[in-house]
Structures are given as structure tokens and as C-alpha cells.
Amino acid sequence: MSFLLSFVFLALSVLLISAIVPGIHVRNFKSALAVAAVYGLLNFLLFKVFIIVTFPLVILKVVTLGLFGIVLNAALLKLTDKLLDGFEVKGFGPALLGGVGISLMNLLLGYLF
């Protein structure tokens, strides 16, 4: 149940972020569910790989205040954009803002559940 709730919350987060951030567009709720599925799968499969590959930058987490994780989220959003038709991220700036939004929504979800 927790997984399903997180999945729907991510889809709703993507819809909210697309309404707020210019340059991020989601066709409809069905597309938002697809984004949540692909982004979640990419996050599960690739985030740890990104951390290992960029290990020197992650070590500097104290210096970057954890902001590099947001850059990794932005890269995952751009990759999700390339894999889906109903989702578009126009540039790295909107992807970065979307990564911030998703990070904040995940933080909120962590506090709620």
C-alpha cells in the first residue's frame, strides 16, 4: 500500500510541478502515471550508479549542501523525457527546477508517512 501511495503521490507531484514550472509539460494524468513509473524505475536502477560514478562530487556533499542530488534528479527527469511521449522537459533549467520540486515533494512524503 505504501508503494502504491508513493507512486500516486509522485504522479500528482509531476502534475503539480508541470503546472508551476515553465518548460515542463505533462499531457494528462495518464501521462503523469507513466512519468512516475519510468522516473521511479530509473531512480531505482540508475541513481546509485550515478552516485558511484560521481563519487568525488558526492564526497563534497558538505560543500555542495546536498545540491548535487538535485542535479542527478534533473538528469533523471531529462532521461524520462527522452523515453516518454506525453512528457516534455525543455532544457536543463526546467529539469533542475523539477528536480527541486520532486525532492521537496519526497521530503514532504517522508514526513507524512
PDB file of N, CA and C in Angstrom:
ATOM      1  N   MET A   1       0.827  -1.197   0.000  1.00  0.00           N
ATOM      2  CA  MET A   1       0.000   0.000   0.000  1.00  0.00           C
ATOM      3  C   MET A   1       0.871   1.261   0.000  1.00  0.00           C
ATOM      4  N   SER A   2       1.957   1.236   0.745  1.00  0.00           N
ATOM      5  CA  SER A   2       2.848   2.377   0.809  1.00  0.00           C
ATOM      6  C   SER A   2       3.470   2.666  -0.559  1.00  0.00           C
ATOM      7  N   PHE A   3       3.828   1.605  -1.299  1.00  0.00           N
ATOM      8  CA  PHE A   3       4.396   1.763  -2.634  1.00  0.00           C
ATOM      9  C   PHE A   3       3.383   2.416  -3.566  1.00  0.00           C
ATOM     10  N   LEU A   4       2.150   1.946  -3.535  1.00  0.00           N
ATOM     11  CA  LEU A   4       1.096   2.494  -4.395  1.00  0.00           C
ATOM     12  C   LEU A   4       0.827   3.956  -4.058  1.00  0.00           C
ATOM     13  N   LEU A   5       0.805   4.274  -2.793  1.00  0.00           N
ATOM     14  CA  LEU A   5       0.588   5.652  -2.359  1.00  0.00           C
ATOM     15  C   LEU A   5       1.742   6.551  -2.814  1.00  0.00           C
ATOM     16  N   SER A   6       2.958   6.071  -2.702  1.00  0.00           N
ATOM     17  CA  SER A   6       4.124   6.836  -3.167  1.00  0.00           C
ATOM     18  C   SER A   6       4.074   7.047  -4.678  1.00  0.00           C
ATOM     19  N   PHE A   7       3.652   6.039  -5.402  1.00  0.00           N
ATOM     20  CA  PHE A   7       3.536   6.107  -6.852  1.00  0.00           C
ATOM     21  C   PHE A   7       2.522   7.172  -7.274  1.00  0.00           C
ATOM     22  N   VAL A   8       1.348   7.153  -6.664  1.00  0.00           N
ATOM     23  CA  VAL A   8       0.310   8.142  -6.981  1.00  0.00           C
ATOM     24  C   VAL A   8       0.759   9.536  -6.546  1.00  0.00           C
ATOM     25  N   PHE A   9       1.418   9.633  -5.406  1.00  0.00           N
ATOM     26  CA  PHE A   9       1.922  10.921  -4.926  1.00  0.00           C
ATOM     27  C   PHE A   9       2.953  11.494  -5.890  1.00  0.00           C
ATOM     28  N   LEU A  10       3.818  10.641  -6.453  1.00  0.00           N
ATOM     29  CA  LEU A  10       4.798  11.101  -7.431  1.00  0.00           C
ATOM     30  C   LEU A  10       4.100  11.582  -8.702  1.00  0.00           C
ATOM     31  N   ALA A  11       3.072  10.871  -9.141  1.00  0.00           N
ATOM     32  CA  ALA A  11       2.323  11.291 -10.329  1.00  0.00           C
ATOM     33  C   ALA A  11       1.653  12.645 -10.085  1.00  0.00           C
ATOM     34  N   LEU A  12       1.066  12.817  -8.917  1.00  0.00           N
ATOM     35  CA  LEU A  12       0.448  14.106  -8.585  1.00  0.00           C
ATOM     36  C   LEU A  12       1.505  15.201  -8.472  1.00  0.00           C
ATOM     37  N   SER A  13       2.681  14.856  -7.949  1.00  0.00           N
ATOM     38  CA  SER A  13       3.780  15.818  -7.859  1.00  0.00           C
ATOM     39  C   SER A  13       4.217  16.271  -9.249  1.00  0.00           C
ATOM     40  N   VAL A  14       4.290  15.338 -10.176  1.00  0.00           N
ATOM     41  CA  VAL A  14       4.681  15.662 -11.549  1.00  0.00           C
ATOM     42  C   VAL A  14       3.647  16.599 -12.175  1.00  0.00           C
ATOM     43  N   LEU A  15       2.363  16.327 -11.932  1.00  0.00           N
ATOM     44  CA  LEU A  15       1.314  17.219 -12.447  1.00  0.00           C
ATOM     45  C   LEU A  15       1.439  18.612 -11.847  1.00  0.00           C
ATOM     46  N   LEU A  16       1.660  18.687 -10.551  1.00  0.00           N
ATOM     47  CA  LEU A  16       1.796  19.981  -9.880  1.00  0.00           C
ATOM     48  C   LEU A  16       3.024  20.738 -10.392  1.00  0.00           C
ATOM     49  N   ILE A  17       4.126  20.039 -10.516  1.00  0.00           N
ATOM     50  CA  ILE A  17       5.354  20.671 -10.998  1.00  0.00           C
ATOM     51  C   ILE A  17       5.176  21.158 -12.429  1.00  0.00           C
ATOM     52  N   SER A  18       4.476  20.386 -13.256  1.00  0.00           N
ATOM     53  CA  SER A  18       4.262  20.820 -14.641  1.00  0.00           C
ATOM     54  C   SER A  18       3.374  22.057 -14.710  1.00  0.00           C
ATOM     55  N   ALA A  19       2.514  22.232 -13.721  1.00  0.00           N
ATOM     56  CA  ALA A  19       1.671  23.426 -13.689  1.00  0.00           C
ATOM     57  C   ALA A  19       2.440  24.647 -13.199  1.00  0.00           C
ATOM     58  N   ILE A  20       3.475  24.429 -12.407  1.00  0.00           N
ATOM     59  CA  ILE A  20       4.221  25.537 -11.797  1.00  0.00           C
ATOM     60  C   ILE A  20       5.455  25.921 -12.616  1.00  0.00           C
ATOM     61  N   VAL A  21       6.190  24.925 -13.092  1.00  0.00           N
ATOM     62  CA  VAL A  21       7.478  25.177 -13.751  1.00  0.00           C
ATOM     63  C   VAL A  21       7.274  25.333 -15.260  1.00  0.00           C
ATOM     64  N   PRO A  22       7.572  26.526 -15.790  1.00  0.00           N
ATOM     65  CA  PRO A  22       7.504  26.668 -17.248  1.00  0.00           C
ATOM     66  C   PRO A  22       8.587  25.805 -17.907  1.00  0.00           C
ATOM     67  N   GLY A  23       8.208  25.123 -18.949  1.00  0.00           N
ATOM     68  CA  GLY A  23       9.168  24.266 -19.639  1.00  0.00           C
ATOM     69  C   GLY A  23       8.998  22.795 -19.316  1.00  0.00           C
ATOM     70  N   ILE A  24       8.111  22.463 -18.382  1.00  0.00           N
ATOM     71  CA  ILE A  24       7.780  21.067 -18.096  1.00  0.00           C
ATOM     72  C   ILE A  24       6.304  20.885 -18.419  1.00  0.00           C
ATOM     73  N   HIS A  25       6.028  19.931 -19.291  1.00  0.00           N
ATOM     74  CA  HIS A  25       4.649  19.704 -19.730  1.00  0.00           C
ATOM     75  C   HIS A  25       4.302  18.226 -19.642  1.00  0.00           C
ATOM     76  N   VAL A  26       3.132  17.957 -19.051  1.00  0.00           N
ATOM     77  CA  VAL A  26       2.590  16.604 -18.974  1.00  0.00           C
ATOM     78  C   VAL A  26       1.236  16.653 -19.671  1.00  0.00           C
ATOM     79  N   ARG A  27       1.016  15.722 -20.575  1.00  0.00           N
ATOM     80  CA  ARG A  27      -0.216  15.727 -21.375  1.00  0.00           C
ATOM     81  C   ARG A  27      -1.465  15.562 -20.513  1.00  0.00           C
ATOM     82  N   ASN A  28      -1.481  14.576 -19.617  1.00  0.00           N
ATOM     83  CA  ASN A  28      -2.662  14.303 -18.789  1.00  0.00           C
ATOM     84  C   ASN A  28      -2.240  13.431 -17.599  1.00  0.00           C
ATOM     85  N   PHE A  29      -3.222  13.030 -16.786  1.00  0.00           N
ATOM     86  CA  PHE A  29      -2.904  12.235 -15.604  1.00  0.00           C
ATOM     87  C   PHE A  29      -2.336  10.872 -15.979  1.00  0.00           C
ATOM     88  N   LYS A  30      -2.826  10.299 -17.074  1.00  0.00           N
ATOM     89  CA  LYS A  30      -2.291   9.012 -17.533  1.00  0.00           C
ATOM     90  C   LYS A  30      -0.808   9.151 -17.868  1.00  0.00           C
ATOM     91  N   SER A  31      -0.440  10.244 -18.514  1.00  0.00           N
ATOM     92  CA  SER A  31       0.975  10.501 -18.808  1.00  0.00           C
ATOM     93  C   SER A  31       1.765  10.716 -17.525  1.00  0.00           C
ATOM     94  N   ALA A  32       1.160  11.387 -16.542  1.00  0.00           N
ATOM     95  CA  ALA A  32       1.826  11.600 -15.253  1.00  0.00           C
ATOM     96  C   ALA A  32       2.080  10.264 -14.553  1.00  0.00           C
ATOM     97  N   LEU A  33       1.147   9.330 -14.666  1.00  0.00           N
ATOM     98  CA  LEU A  33       1.364   7.996 -14.098  1.00  0.00           C
ATOM     99  C   LEU A  33       2.524   7.294 -14.807  1.00  0.00           C
ATOM    100  N   ALA A  34       2.598   7.454 -16.134  1.00  0.00           N
ATOM    101  CA  ALA A  34       3.705   6.858 -16.892  1.00  0.00           C
ATOM    102  C   ALA A  34       5.033   7.492 -16.472  1.00  0.00           C
ATOM    103  N   VAL A  35       5.036   8.811 -16.288  1.00  0.00           N
ATOM    104  CA  VAL A  35       6.250   9.506 -15.834  1.00  0.00           C
ATOM    105  C   VAL A  35       6.666   8.974 -14.469  1.00  0.00           C
ATOM    106  N   ALA A  36       5.703   8.823 -13.571  1.00  0.00           N
ATOM    107  CA  ALA A  36       6.005   8.316 -12.229  1.00  0.00           C
ATOM    108  C   ALA A  36       6.601   6.905 -12.304  1.00  0.00           C
ATOM    109  N   ALA A  37       6.057   6.071 -13.187  1.00  0.00           N
ATOM    110  CA  ALA A  37       6.566   4.707 -13.321  1.00  0.00           C
ATOM    111  C   ALA A  37       7.985   4.700 -13.884  1.00  0.00           C
ATOM    112  N   VAL A  38       8.209   5.443 -14.973  1.00  0.00           N
ATOM    113  CA  VAL A  38       9.528   5.447 -15.612  1.00  0.00           C
ATOM    114  C   VAL A  38      10.560   6.145 -14.720  1.00  0.00           C
ATOM    115  N   TYR A  39      10.194   7.301 -14.171  1.00  0.00           N
ATOM    116  CA  TYR A  39      11.114   8.032 -13.302  1.00  0.00           C
ATOM    117  C   TYR A  39      11.460   7.194 -12.065  1.00  0.00           C
ATOM    118  N   GLY A  40      10.456   6.568 -11.477  1.00  0.00           N
ATOM    119  CA  GLY A  40      10.697   5.718 -10.303  1.00  0.00           C
ATOM    120  C   GLY A  40      11.614   4.552 -10.633  1.00  0.00           C
ATOM    121  N   LEU A  41      11.404   3.925 -11.787  1.00  0.00           N
ATOM    122  CA  LEU A  41      12.248   2.804 -12.199  1.00  0.00           C
ATOM    123  C   LEU A  41      13.679   3.278 -12.479  1.00  0.00           C
ATOM    124  N   LEU A  42      13.812   4.401 -13.192  1.00  0.00           N
ATOM    125  CA  LEU A  42      15.144   4.946 -13.455  1.00  0.00           C
ATOM    126  C   LEU A  42      15.844   5.339 -12.152  1.00  0.00           C
ATOM    127  N   ASN A  43      15.090   5.930 -11.249  1.00  0.00           N
ATOM    128  CA  ASN A  43      15.651   6.314  -9.957  1.00  0.00           C
ATOM    129  C   ASN A  43      16.155   5.079  -9.219  1.00  0.00           C
ATOM    130  N   PHE A  44      15.363   4.031  -9.231  1.00  0.00           N
ATOM    131  CA  PHE A  44      15.740   2.790  -8.557  1.00  0.00           C
ATOM    132  C   PHE A  44      16.973   2.160  -9.201  1.00  0.00           C
ATOM    133  N   LEU A  45      17.013   2.135 -10.533  1.00  0.00           N
ATOM    134  CA  LEU A  45      18.090   1.455 -11.242  1.00  0.00           C
ATOM    135  C   LEU A  45      19.360   2.292 -11.391  1.00  0.00           C
ATOM    136  N   LEU A  46      19.220   3.598 -11.621  1.00  0.00           N
ATOM    137  CA  LEU A  46      20.370   4.396 -12.009  1.00  0.00           C
ATOM    138  C   LEU A  46      20.906   5.347 -10.949  1.00  0.00           C
ATOM    139  N   PHE A  47      20.101   5.727  -9.966  1.00  0.00           N
ATOM    140  CA  PHE A  47      20.554   6.737  -9.009  1.00  0.00           C
ATOM    141  C   PHE A  47      21.823   6.301  -8.289  1.00  0.00           C
ATOM    142  N   LYS A  48      21.856   5.050  -7.843  1.00  0.00           N
ATOM    143  CA  LYS A  48      23.048   4.548  -7.147  1.00  0.00           C
ATOM    144  C   LYS A  48      24.244   4.475  -8.100  1.00  0.00           C
ATOM    145  N   VAL A  49      23.998   4.144  -9.360  1.00  0.00           N
ATOM    146  CA  VAL A  49      25.078   4.133 -10.355  1.00  0.00           C
ATOM    147  C   VAL A  49      25.618   5.548 -10.532  1.00  0.00           C
ATOM    148  N   PHE A  50      24.724   6.534 -10.639  1.00  0.00           N
ATOM    149  CA  PHE A  50      25.150   7.930 -10.749  1.00  0.00           C
ATOM    150  C   PHE A  50      25.976   8.340  -9.536  1.00  0.00           C
ATOM    151  N   ILE A  51      25.554   7.918  -8.359  1.00  0.00           N
ATOM    152  CA  ILE A  51      26.282   8.262  -7.132  1.00  0.00           C
ATOM    153  C   ILE A  51      27.694   7.683  -7.178  1.00  0.00           C
ATOM    154  N   ILE A  52      27.811   6.432  -7.624  1.00  0.00           N
ATOM    155  CA  ILE A  52      29.129   5.793  -7.684  1.00  0.00           C
ATOM    156  C   ILE A  52      30.013   6.482  -8.726  1.00  0.00           C
ATOM    157  N   VAL A  53      29.449   6.765  -9.900  1.00  0.00           N
ATOM    158  CA  VAL A  53      30.230   7.396 -10.971  1.00  0.00           C
ATOM    159  C   VAL A  53      30.678   8.798 -10.570  1.00  0.00           C
ATOM    160  N   THR A  54      29.829   9.502  -9.861  1.00  0.00           N
ATOM    161  CA  THR A  54      30.143  10.880  -9.467  1.00  0.00           C
ATOM    162  C   THR A  54      30.600  10.954  -8.020  1.00  0.00           C
ATOM    163  N   PHE A  55      31.181   9.885  -7.523  1.00  0.00           N
ATOM    164  CA  PHE A  55      31.565   9.789  -6.122  1.00  0.00           C
ATOM    165  C   PHE A  55      32.372  10.976  -5.607  1.00  0.00           C
ATOM    166  N   PRO A  56      33.354  11.479  -6.358  1.00  0.00           N
ATOM    167  CA  PRO A  56      34.108  12.637  -5.837  1.00  0.00           C
ATOM    168  C   PRO A  56      33.210  13.844  -5.542  1.00  0.00           C
ATOM    169  N   LEU A  57      32.203  14.063  -6.366  1.00  0.00           N
ATOM    170  CA  LEU A  57      31.295  15.181  -6.120  1.00  0.00           C
ATOM    171  C   LEU A  57      30.374  14.908  -4.931  1.00  0.00           C
ATOM    172  N   VAL A  58      30.021  13.627  -4.757  1.00  0.00           N
ATOM    173  CA  VAL A  58      29.164  13.267  -3.631  1.00  0.00           C
ATOM    174  C   VAL A  58      29.919  13.420  -2.319  1.00  0.00           C
ATOM    175  N   ILE A  59      31.227  13.142  -2.337  1.00  0.00           N
ATOM    176  CA  ILE A  59      32.041  13.318  -1.135  1.00  0.00           C
ATOM    177  C   ILE A  59      32.002  14.785  -0.703  1.00  0.00           C
ATOM    178  N   LEU A  60      31.925  15.662  -1.672  1.00  0.00           N
ATOM    179  CA  LEU A  60      31.859  17.091  -1.377  1.00  0.00           C
ATOM    180  C   LEU A  60      30.451  17.532  -0.989  1.00  0.00           C
ATOM    181  N   LYS A  61      29.635  16.582  -0.566  1.00  0.00           N
ATOM    182  CA  LYS A  61      28.254  16.878  -0.204  1.00  0.00           C
ATOM    183  C   LYS A  61      28.171  17.980   0.844  1.00  0.00           C
ATOM    184  N   VAL A  62      29.114  18.005   1.735  1.00  0.00           N
ATOM    185  CA  VAL A  62      29.129  19.051   2.751  1.00  0.00           C
ATOM    186  C   VAL A  62      29.315  20.408   2.077  1.00  0.00           C
ATOM    187  N   VAL A  63      30.182  20.440   1.071  1.00  0.00           N
ATOM    188  CA  VAL A  63      30.438  21.689   0.359  1.00  0.00           C
ATOM    189  C   VAL A  63      29.233  22.074  -0.500  1.00  0.00           C
ATOM    190  N   THR A  64      28.631  21.104  -1.173  1.00  0.00           N
ATOM    191  CA  THR A  64      27.512  21.395  -2.069  1.00  0.00           C
ATOM    192  C   THR A  64      26.170  21.391  -1.338  1.00  0.00           C
ATOM    193  N   LEU A  65      26.187  21.070  -0.057  1.00  0.00           N
ATOM    194  CA  LEU A  65      24.973  21.036   0.770  1.00  0.00           C
ATOM    195  C   LEU A  65      23.909  20.087   0.218  1.00  0.00           C
ATOM    196  N   GLY A  66      24.342  19.015  -0.436  1.00  0.00           N
ATOM    197  CA  GLY A  66      23.415  18.021  -0.960  1.00  0.00           C
ATOM    198  C   GLY A  66      22.752  18.424  -2.255  1.00  0.00           C
ATOM    199  N   LEU A  67      23.164  19.522  -2.843  1.00  0.00           N
ATOM    200  CA  LEU A  67      22.526  20.004  -4.065  1.00  0.00           C
ATOM    201  C   LEU A  67      22.843  19.135  -5.273  1.00  0.00           C
ATOM    202  N   PHE A  68      23.900  18.354  -5.205  1.00  0.00           N
ATOM    203  CA  PHE A  68      24.227  17.515  -6.347  1.00  0.00           C
ATOM    204  C   PHE A  68      23.162  16.442  -6.566  1.00  0.00           C
ATOM    205  N   GLY A  69      22.495  16.010  -5.520  1.00  0.00           N
ATOM    206  CA  GLY A  69      21.383  15.063  -5.669  1.00  0.00           C
ATOM    207  C   GLY A  69      20.265  15.638  -6.520  1.00  0.00           C
ATOM    208  N   ILE A  70      20.064  16.947  -6.423  1.00  0.00           N
ATOM    209  CA  ILE A  70      19.048  17.606  -7.240  1.00  0.00           C
ATOM    210  C   ILE A  70      19.473  17.597  -8.707  1.00  0.00           C
ATOM    211  N   VAL A  71      20.766  17.762  -8.959  1.00  0.00           N
ATOM    212  CA  VAL A  71      21.275  17.690 -10.330  1.00  0.00           C
ATOM    213  C   VAL A  71      21.060  16.288 -10.888  1.00  0.00           C
ATOM    214  N   LEU A  72      21.276  15.268 -10.063  1.00  0.00           N
ATOM    215  CA  LEU A  72      21.022  13.895 -10.505  1.00  0.00           C
ATOM    216  C   LEU A  72      19.541  13.684 -10.794  1.00  0.00           C
ATOM    217  N   ASN A  73      18.657  14.251  -9.967  1.00  0.00           N
ATOM    218  CA  ASN A  73      17.221  14.166 -10.229  1.00  0.00           C
ATOM    219  C   ASN A  73      16.875  14.852 -11.545  1.00  0.00           C
ATOM    220  N   ALA A  74      17.511  15.974 -11.827  1.00  0.00           N
ATOM    221  CA  ALA A  74      17.272  16.682 -13.085  1.00  0.00           C
ATOM    222  C   ALA A  74      17.692  15.811 -14.269  1.00  0.00           C
ATOM    223  N   ALA A  75      18.826  15.143 -14.151  1.00  0.00           N
ATOM    224  CA  ALA A  75      19.281  14.246 -15.223  1.00  0.00           C
ATOM    225  C   ALA A  75      18.295  13.103 -15.431  1.00  0.00           C
ATOM    226  N   LEU A  76      17.749  12.570 -14.345  1.00  0.00           N
ATOM    227  CA  LEU A  76      16.750  11.506 -14.464  1.00  0.00           C
ATOM    228  C   LEU A  76      15.471  12.022 -15.116  1.00  0.00           C
ATOM    229  N   LEU A  77      15.093  13.264 -14.812  1.00  0.00           N
ATOM    230  CA  LEU A  77      13.916  13.855 -15.465  1.00  0.00           C
ATOM    231  C   LEU A  77      14.142  14.001 -16.965  1.00  0.00           C
ATOM    232  N   LYS A  78      15.326  14.470 -17.361  1.00  0.00           N
ATOM    233  CA  LYS A  78      15.631  14.602 -18.791  1.00  0.00           C
ATOM    234  C   LYS A  78      15.623  13.234 -19.476  1.00  0.00           C
ATOM    235  N   LEU A  79      16.144  12.221 -18.816  1.00  0.00           N
ATOM    236  CA  LEU A  79      16.129  10.878 -19.385  1.00  0.00           C
ATOM    237  C   LEU A  79      14.697  10.364 -19.515  1.00  0.00           C
ATOM    238  N   THR A  80      13.872  10.640 -18.514  1.00  0.00           N
ATOM    239  CA  THR A  80      12.460  10.262 -18.578  1.00  0.00           C
ATOM    240  C   THR A  80      11.775  10.954 -19.751  1.00  0.00           C
ATOM    241  N   ASP A  81      12.115  12.221 -19.976  1.00  0.00           N
ATOM    242  CA  ASP A  81      11.585  12.974 -21.110  1.00  0.00           C
ATOM    243  C   ASP A  81      11.917  12.279 -22.424  1.00  0.00           C
ATOM    244  N   LYS A  82      13.129  11.781 -22.550  1.00  0.00           N
ATOM    245  CA  LYS A  82      13.554  11.121 -23.791  1.00  0.00           C
ATOM    246  C   LYS A  82      12.823   9.804 -24.023  1.00  0.00           C
ATOM    247  N   LEU A  83      12.361   9.169 -22.951  1.00  0.00           N
ATOM    248  CA  LEU A  83      11.733   7.850 -23.065  1.00  0.00           C
ATOM    249  C   LEU A  83      10.219   7.897 -23.248  1.00  0.00           C
ATOM    250  N   LEU A  84       9.577   9.025 -22.944  1.00  0.00           N
ATOM    251  CA  LEU A  84       8.115   9.106 -22.990  1.00  0.00           C
ATOM    252  C   LEU A  84       7.640  10.183 -23.954  1.00  0.00           C
ATOM    253  N   ASP A  85       6.489   9.951 -24.573  1.00  0.00           N
ATOM    254  CA  ASP A  85       5.917  10.921 -25.498  1.00  0.00           C
ATOM    255  C   ASP A  85       5.066  11.980 -24.804  1.00  0.00           C
ATOM    256  N   GLY A  86       4.338  11.640 -23.776  1.00  0.00           N
ATOM    257  CA  GLY A  86       3.417  12.573 -23.135  1.00  0.00           C
ATOM    258  C   GLY A  86       4.064  13.480 -22.092  1.00  0.00           C
ATOM    259  N   PHE A  87       5.385  13.525 -22.070  1.00  0.00           N
ATOM    260  CA  PHE A  87       6.129  14.293 -21.071  1.00  0.00           C
ATOM    261  C   PHE A  87       7.246  15.034 -21.778  1.00  0.00           C
ATOM    262  N   GLU A  88       7.367  16.326 -21.480  1.00  0.00           N
ATOM    263  CA  GLU A  88       8.396  17.129 -22.134  1.00  0.00           C
ATOM    264  C   GLU A  88       9.058  18.054 -21.126  1.00  0.00           C
ATOM    265  N   VAL A  89      10.383  18.065 -21.147  1.00  0.00           N
ATOM    266  CA  VAL A  89      11.184  18.970 -20.329  1.00  0.00           C
ATOM    267  C   VAL A  89      12.061  19.759 -21.295  1.00  0.00           C
ATOM    268  N   LYS A  90      11.802  21.051 -21.385  1.00  0.00           N
ATOM    269  CA  LYS A  90      12.513  21.905 -22.347  1.00  0.00           C
ATOM    270  C   LYS A  90      13.751  22.519 -21.700  1.00  0.00           C
ATOM    271  N   GLY A  91      14.850  21.792 -21.709  1.00  0.00           N
ATOM    272  CA  GLY A  91      16.100  22.327 -21.199  1.00  0.00           C
ATOM    273  C   GLY A  91      16.448  21.828 -19.808  1.00  0.00           C
ATOM    274  N   PHE A  92      17.697  22.123 -19.431  1.00  0.00           N
ATOM    275  CA  PHE A  92      18.175  21.652 -18.143  1.00  0.00           C
ATOM    276  C   PHE A  92      17.681  22.527 -16.984  1.00  0.00           C
ATOM    277  N   GLY A  93      17.418  23.809 -17.261  1.00  0.00           N
ATOM    278  CA  GLY A  93      16.896  24.700 -16.211  1.00  0.00           C
ATOM    279  C   GLY A  93      15.561  24.217 -15.658  1.00  0.00           C
ATOM    280  N   PRO A  94      14.569  23.970 -16.532  1.00  0.00           N
ATOM    281  CA  PRO A  94      13.315  23.417 -16.030  1.00  0.00           C
ATOM    282  C   PRO A  94      13.490  22.050 -15.365  1.00  0.00           C
ATOM    283  N   ALA A  95      14.409  21.237 -15.888  1.00  0.00           N
ATOM    284  CA  ALA A  95      14.670  19.933 -15.264  1.00  0.00           C
ATOM    285  C   ALA A  95      15.218  20.120 -13.859  1.00  0.00           C
ATOM    286  N   LEU A  96      16.070  21.118 -13.685  1.00  0.00           N
ATOM    287  CA  LEU A  96      16.640  21.402 -12.367  1.00  0.00           C
ATOM    288  C   LEU A  96      15.549  21.860 -11.399  1.00  0.00           C
ATOM    289  N   LEU A  97      14.678  22.748 -11.864  1.00  0.00           N
ATOM    290  CA  LEU A  97      13.557  23.183 -11.009  1.00  0.00           C
ATOM    291  C   LEU A  97      12.617  22.017 -10.710  1.00  0.00           C
ATOM    292  N   GLY A  98      12.387  21.163 -11.696  1.00  0.00           N
ATOM    293  CA  GLY A  98      11.568  19.968 -11.469  1.00  0.00           C
ATOM    294  C   GLY A  98      12.207  19.029 -10.469  1.00  0.00           C
ATOM    295  N   GLY A  99      13.540  18.903 -10.540  1.00  0.00           N
ATOM    296  CA  GLY A  99      14.260  18.075  -9.566  1.00  0.00           C
ATOM    297  C   GLY A  99      14.128  18.612  -8.156  1.00  0.00           C
ATOM    298  N   VAL A 100      14.166  19.948  -8.037  1.00  0.00           N
ATOM    299  CA  VAL A 100      13.956  20.577  -6.723  1.00  0.00           C
ATOM    300  C   VAL A 100      12.538  20.268  -6.231  1.00  0.00           C
ATOM    301  N   GLY A 101      11.571  20.418  -7.125  1.00  0.00           N
ATOM    302  CA  GLY A 101      10.178  20.151  -6.749  1.00  0.00           C
ATOM    303  C   GLY A 101       9.959  18.716  -6.321  1.00  0.00           C
ATOM    304  N   ILE A 102      10.505  17.772  -7.071  1.00  0.00           N
ATOM    305  CA  ILE A 102      10.353  16.359  -6.719  1.00  0.00           C
ATOM    306  C   ILE A 102      11.060  16.064  -5.396  1.00  0.00           C
ATOM    307  N   SER A 103      12.227  16.642  -5.196  1.00  0.00           N
ATOM    308  CA  SER A 103      12.935  16.445  -3.926  1.00  0.00           C
ATOM    309  C   SER A 103      12.119  16.970  -2.746  1.00  0.00           C
ATOM    310  N   LEU A 104      11.525  18.155  -2.923  1.00  0.00           N
ATOM    311  CA  LEU A 104      10.691  18.718  -1.851  1.00  0.00           C
ATOM    312  C   LEU A 104       9.451  17.871  -1.602  1.00  0.00           C
ATOM    313  N   MET A 105       8.838  17.386  -2.663  1.00  0.00           N
ATOM    314  CA  MET A 105       7.640  16.548  -2.504  1.00  0.00           C
ATOM    315  C   MET A 105       7.995  15.225  -1.816  1.00  0.00           C
ATOM    316  N   ASN A 106       9.148  14.649  -2.165  1.00  0.00           N
ATOM    317  CA  ASN A 106       9.586  13.416  -1.497  1.00  0.00           C
ATOM    318  C   ASN A 106       9.884  13.662  -0.027  1.00  0.00           C
ATOM    319  N   LEU A 107      10.442  14.827   0.278  1.00  0.00           N
ATOM    320  CA  LEU A 107      10.693  15.196   1.666  1.00  0.00           C
ATOM    321  C   LEU A 107       9.374  15.308   2.429  1.00  0.00           C
ATOM    322  N   LEU A 108       8.410  15.935   1.816  1.00  0.00           N
ATOM    323  CA  LEU A 108       7.070  16.060   2.429  1.00  0.00           C
ATOM    324  C   LEU A 108       6.441  14.686   2.629  1.00  0.00           C
ATOM    325  N   LEU A 109       6.552  13.822   1.628  1.00  0.00           N
ATOM    326  CA  LEU A 109       6.003  12.486   1.740  1.00  0.00           C
ATOM    327  C   LEU A 109       6.682  11.711   2.871  1.00  0.00           C
ATOM    328  N   GLY A 110       7.991  11.890   3.010  1.00  0.00           N
ATOM    329  CA  GLY A 110       8.716  11.233   4.094  1.00  0.00           C
ATOM    330  C   GLY A 110       8.229  11.665   5.466  1.00  0.00           C
ATOM    331  N   TYR A 111       7.867  12.936   5.599  1.00  0.00           N
ATOM    332  CA  TYR A 111       7.344  13.425   6.883  1.00  0.00           C
ATOM    333  C   TYR A 111       5.926  12.945   7.149  1.00  0.00           C
ATOM    334  N   LEU A 112       5.151  12.794   6.081  1.00  0.00           N
ATOM    335  CA  LEU A 112       3.755  12.366   6.245  1.00  0.00           C
ATOM    336  C   LEU A 112       3.638  10.882   6.544  1.00  0.00           C
ATOM    337  N   PHE A 113       4.536  10.070   5.963  1.00  0.00           N
ATOM    338  CA  PHE A 113       4.396   8.615   6.111  1.00  0.00           C
ATOM    339  C   PHE A 113       5.666   8.051   6.631  1.00  0.00           C
TER     340      PHE A 113
END
